[in-house]
Amino acid sequence: MAEPEIALVLLPATSKLDSNFQLGKAEMTKTVLVPLANGCEELEAITVTDLLVRAGAQVVRASLDERLEVLASRGAKLMADCSLKDIENQQFDLIALPGGLPGADHLKNSPTLQSIIKSQHKNNGLIGAICAAPKALIESGVINGKQITCYPGALEAEDTSSIEITNDPVKVDDNIITSRGPGTALDFALTLIEHLFDAEKREEVEAPLVR
């Protein structure tokens, strides 16, 4: 029996996103880009977005193309705020990549996203990737010489000769934060919060979760 389709819409983090929207001018607000690709892992995408919003970050979900509705790997329909093209020249404090397949392959093969990732790394901005999403970081070359973690076996088809893969639930190496999969999404999101803000903000968000 086919799995039922789940209709799930992510509400925009901003009340309006238009041509006048300038992320960099948001007073003292941390800005986060979460690219959404068809076939992404919805648990990861939603967990990361939810906790970062709770922390007070301005989260922008961007689809890889002009179609804003994204079909995730288990049938959930996620609604992006805009397309990557709309914000490709914006600067973000953090880029957080959800995993899942074939979503991670779409992230890897997106020229626009690859350009954004390289620019983020050049500016020493935070970059997070969970599950199979480190595929996109290998493609961009931003994790050469670094230690990362990922979903078991997700990178077998990639050239990993320049990186070290660990089994840590979450791995932080300089400005790169990686994690293993859906089961570590909460810890991944909290770690992103800790490095985007501070340990106090992490504790503030984590306490009401009643873990």
Protein backbone atom coordinates (compact mmCIF):
# COMPACT_ATOMS: atom_id res chain seq x y z
CA MET A 1 0.00 0.00 0.00
CA ALA A 2 1.37 3.41 -0.95
CA GLU A 3 2.24 5.80 1.85
CA PRO A 4 -0.39 8.55 2.25
CA GLU A 5 0.59 11.98 1.02
CA ILE A 6 1.02 14.47 3.83
CA ALA A 7 0.10 18.08 3.24
CA LEU A 8 2.33 20.25 5.40
CA VAL A 9 3.06 23.91 4.85
CA LEU A 10 5.88 25.79 6.60
CA LEU A 11 4.69 29.25 7.53
CA PRO A 12 7.00 32.06 6.40
CA ALA A 13 9.40 33.39 9.01
CA THR A 14 8.87 36.91 7.68
CA SER A 15 5.58 38.66 7.12
CA LYS A 16 6.58 39.73 3.63
CA LEU A 17 9.43 38.92 1.31
CA ASP A 18 9.74 41.28 -1.62
CA SER A 19 12.31 43.06 -3.77
CA ASN A 20 12.95 45.58 -0.99
CA PHE A 21 13.75 42.93 1.58
CA GLN A 22 17.34 43.37 2.84
CA LEU A 23 18.42 40.71 5.29
CA GLY A 24 21.61 42.48 6.20
CA LYS A 25 19.70 45.48 7.53
CA ALA A 26 17.67 43.56 10.10
CA GLU A 27 18.76 45.18 13.35
CA MET A 28 20.75 42.71 15.47
CA THR A 29 18.87 39.79 13.93
CA LYS A 30 20.73 36.63 13.00
CA THR A 31 19.82 35.55 9.48
CA VAL A 32 19.62 31.96 8.27
CA LEU A 33 19.13 30.43 4.84
CA VAL A 34 17.56 26.97 4.64
CA PRO A 35 17.55 25.74 1.01
CA LEU A 36 14.70 23.35 0.27
CA ALA A 37 15.07 20.77 -2.49
CA ASN A 38 12.55 18.24 -3.75
CA GLY A 39 13.29 15.00 -1.94
CA CYS A 40 14.69 16.67 1.18
CA GLU A 41 14.26 15.03 4.58
CA GLU A 42 11.27 16.85 6.07
CA LEU A 43 12.03 15.97 9.69
CA GLU A 44 15.42 17.65 9.35
CA ALA A 45 14.12 20.67 7.44
CA ILE A 46 11.31 21.31 9.90
CA THR A 47 13.34 20.67 13.06
CA VAL A 48 16.14 22.99 11.99
CA THR A 49 13.73 25.72 10.92
CA ASP A 50 11.52 25.41 14.00
CA LEU A 51 14.32 25.62 16.55
CA LEU A 52 16.13 28.47 14.81
CA VAL A 53 12.89 30.47 14.74
CA ARG A 54 12.41 29.74 18.44
CA ALA A 55 15.89 31.15 19.00
CA GLY A 56 14.86 34.38 17.32
CA ALA A 57 16.67 33.96 14.02
CA GLN A 58 15.21 35.29 10.80
CA VAL A 59 14.92 32.10 8.76
CA VAL A 60 14.41 32.22 5.02
CA ARG A 61 13.44 28.98 3.26
CA ALA A 62 14.38 29.10 -0.39
CA SER A 63 13.46 26.62 -3.11
CA LEU A 64 16.08 25.71 -5.70
CA ASP A 65 13.88 26.91 -8.56
CA GLU A 66 10.94 29.26 -9.10
CA ARG A 67 8.36 26.75 -7.82
CA LEU A 68 7.91 27.50 -4.11
CA GLU A 69 6.13 24.27 -3.19
CA VAL A 70 8.67 21.56 -2.40
CA LEU A 71 7.79 17.86 -2.17
CA ALA A 72 9.87 16.26 0.58
CA SER A 73 11.07 12.66 0.68
CA ARG A 74 8.10 11.28 2.64
CA GLY A 75 5.42 13.21 0.78
CA ALA A 76 5.21 16.32 2.94
CA LYS A 77 4.66 19.51 0.96
CA LEU A 78 6.83 22.34 2.24
CA MET A 79 6.26 25.96 1.22
CA ALA A 80 9.36 28.06 0.63
CA ASP A 81 9.44 31.82 1.18
CA CYS A 82 11.25 32.54 -2.08
CA SER A 83 13.59 31.01 -4.64
CA LEU A 84 17.38 30.95 -4.34
CA LYS A 85 17.61 33.38 -7.24
CA ASP A 86 15.67 35.92 -5.19
CA ILE A 87 18.30 36.01 -2.44
CA GLU A 88 21.52 34.82 -4.11
CA ASN A 89 23.25 38.15 -3.45
CA GLN A 90 22.21 38.38 0.20
CA GLN A 91 24.56 37.66 3.08
CA PHE A 92 23.51 35.23 5.84
CA ASP A 93 24.94 34.44 9.24
CA LEU A 94 24.22 30.75 8.68
CA ILE A 95 23.34 28.43 5.82
CA ALA A 96 21.74 25.18 7.04
CA LEU A 97 21.29 22.33 4.58
CA PRO A 98 18.70 19.59 5.27
CA GLY A 99 19.63 16.15 3.97
CA GLY A 100 17.54 13.39 2.45
CA LEU A 101 17.65 11.84 -1.00
CA PRO A 102 17.40 12.83 -3.73
CA GLY A 103 17.29 16.25 -2.07
CA ALA A 104 21.00 16.26 -1.22
CA ASP A 105 21.88 15.48 -4.83
CA HIS A 106 19.80 18.45 -5.96
CA LEU A 107 21.70 20.67 -3.49
CA LYS A 108 24.96 19.33 -4.86
CA ASN A 109 23.94 19.99 -8.47
CA SER A 110 22.52 23.51 -8.00
CA PRO A 111 24.94 26.08 -9.50
CA THR A 112 23.20 28.89 -7.62
CA LEU A 113 23.50 27.15 -4.26
CA GLN A 114 27.10 26.17 -4.94
CA SER A 115 27.93 29.82 -5.56
CA ILE A 116 26.17 30.84 -2.33
CA ILE A 117 28.01 28.19 -0.31
CA LYS A 118 31.41 29.26 -1.67
CA SER A 119 30.68 32.90 -0.90
CA GLN A 120 29.54 32.00 2.62
CA HIS A 121 32.75 30.06 3.23
CA LYS A 122 34.92 32.82 1.80
CA ASN A 123 33.37 35.20 4.34
CA ASN A 124 33.90 32.61 7.11
CA GLY A 125 30.16 32.36 7.65
CA LEU A 126 28.61 29.37 9.40
CA ILE A 127 27.59 26.42 7.22
CA GLY A 128 25.59 23.47 8.53
CA ALA A 129 24.76 20.23 6.73
CA ILE A 130 23.00 17.13 8.01
CA CYS A 131 22.52 13.58 6.75
CA ALA A 132 23.48 13.38 3.05
CA ALA A 133 23.74 17.17 2.63
CA PRO A 134 27.56 17.18 3.03
CA LYS A 135 27.48 16.03 -0.61
CA ALA A 136 26.89 19.69 -1.46
CA LEU A 137 29.85 20.76 0.66
CA ILE A 138 32.17 18.28 -1.01
CA GLU A 139 31.08 19.62 -4.40
CA SER A 140 31.87 23.20 -3.34
CA GLY A 141 35.23 22.25 -1.83
CA VAL A 142 34.56 24.05 1.45
CA ILE A 143 35.25 21.02 3.66
CA ASN A 144 38.64 20.02 2.26
CA GLY A 145 40.91 19.16 5.16
CA LYS A 146 38.08 19.11 7.68
CA GLN A 147 36.45 16.54 9.93
CA ILE A 148 32.76 15.98 9.28
CA THR A 149 30.00 13.51 10.02
CA CYS A 150 27.11 12.36 7.83
CA TYR A 151 24.50 9.66 7.30
CA PRO A 152 26.22 6.24 7.16
CA GLY A 153 27.19 5.43 3.58
CA ALA A 154 25.80 8.68 2.17
CA LEU A 155 29.14 9.77 0.76
CA GLU A 156 30.31 6.44 -0.67
CA ALA A 157 29.99 7.71 -4.25
CA GLU A 158 31.83 10.95 -3.47
CA ASP A 159 35.55 11.73 -3.41
CA THR A 160 36.23 11.92 0.33
CA SER A 161 40.02 11.72 0.12
CA SER A 162 40.43 15.29 1.41
CA ILE A 163 38.12 14.97 4.43
CA GLU A 164 37.89 12.83 7.57
CA ILE A 165 34.50 11.27 8.32
CA THR A 166 33.68 10.61 11.97
CA ASN A 167 30.79 8.83 13.68
CA ASP A 168 29.99 11.77 15.94
CA PRO A 169 26.29 12.72 16.16
CA VAL A 170 27.31 16.32 15.50
CA LYS A 171 30.74 17.50 14.39
CA VAL A 172 32.03 21.08 14.54
CA ASP A 173 35.18 21.99 12.62
CA ASP A 174 35.78 25.72 12.42
CA ASN A 175 32.78 27.24 10.56
CA ILE A 176 31.44 23.87 9.37
CA ILE A 177 28.81 22.01 11.44
CA THR A 178 27.63 18.58 10.29
CA SER A 179 25.35 15.89 11.67
CA ARG A 180 24.31 12.30 10.92
CA GLY A 181 20.59 12.17 10.19
CA PRO A 182 16.97 12.49 11.35
CA GLY A 183 17.76 11.06 14.78
CA THR A 184 20.35 13.75 15.45
CA ALA A 185 18.38 16.66 13.97
CA LEU A 186 17.49 18.12 17.36
CA ASP A 187 21.10 18.10 18.54
CA PHE A 188 22.18 19.52 15.19
CA ALA A 189 19.72 22.41 15.40
CA LEU A 190 20.70 23.17 19.00
CA THR A 191 24.37 23.17 18.05
CA LEU A 192 23.62 25.58 15.22
CA ILE A 193 21.91 27.85 17.74
CA GLU A 194 24.85 27.65 20.12
CA HIS A 195 27.31 28.75 17.43
CA LEU A 196 25.00 31.28 15.82
CA PHE A 197 24.15 32.86 19.19
CA ASP A 198 25.72 31.39 22.33
CA ALA A 199 25.36 28.58 24.89
CA GLU A 200 22.84 30.61 26.90
CA LYS A 201 20.53 30.89 23.90
CA ARG A 202 20.83 27.15 23.30
CA GLU A 203 19.79 26.45 26.88
CA GLU A 204 16.90 28.89 26.55
CA VAL A 205 15.55 27.05 23.51
CA GLU A 206 16.32 23.53 24.77
CA ALA A 207 14.74 23.77 28.23
CA PRO A 208 11.10 24.05 27.07
CA LEU A 209 11.56 21.06 24.77
CA VAL A 210 11.54 18.80 27.87
CA ARG A 211 14.14 16.38 26.59
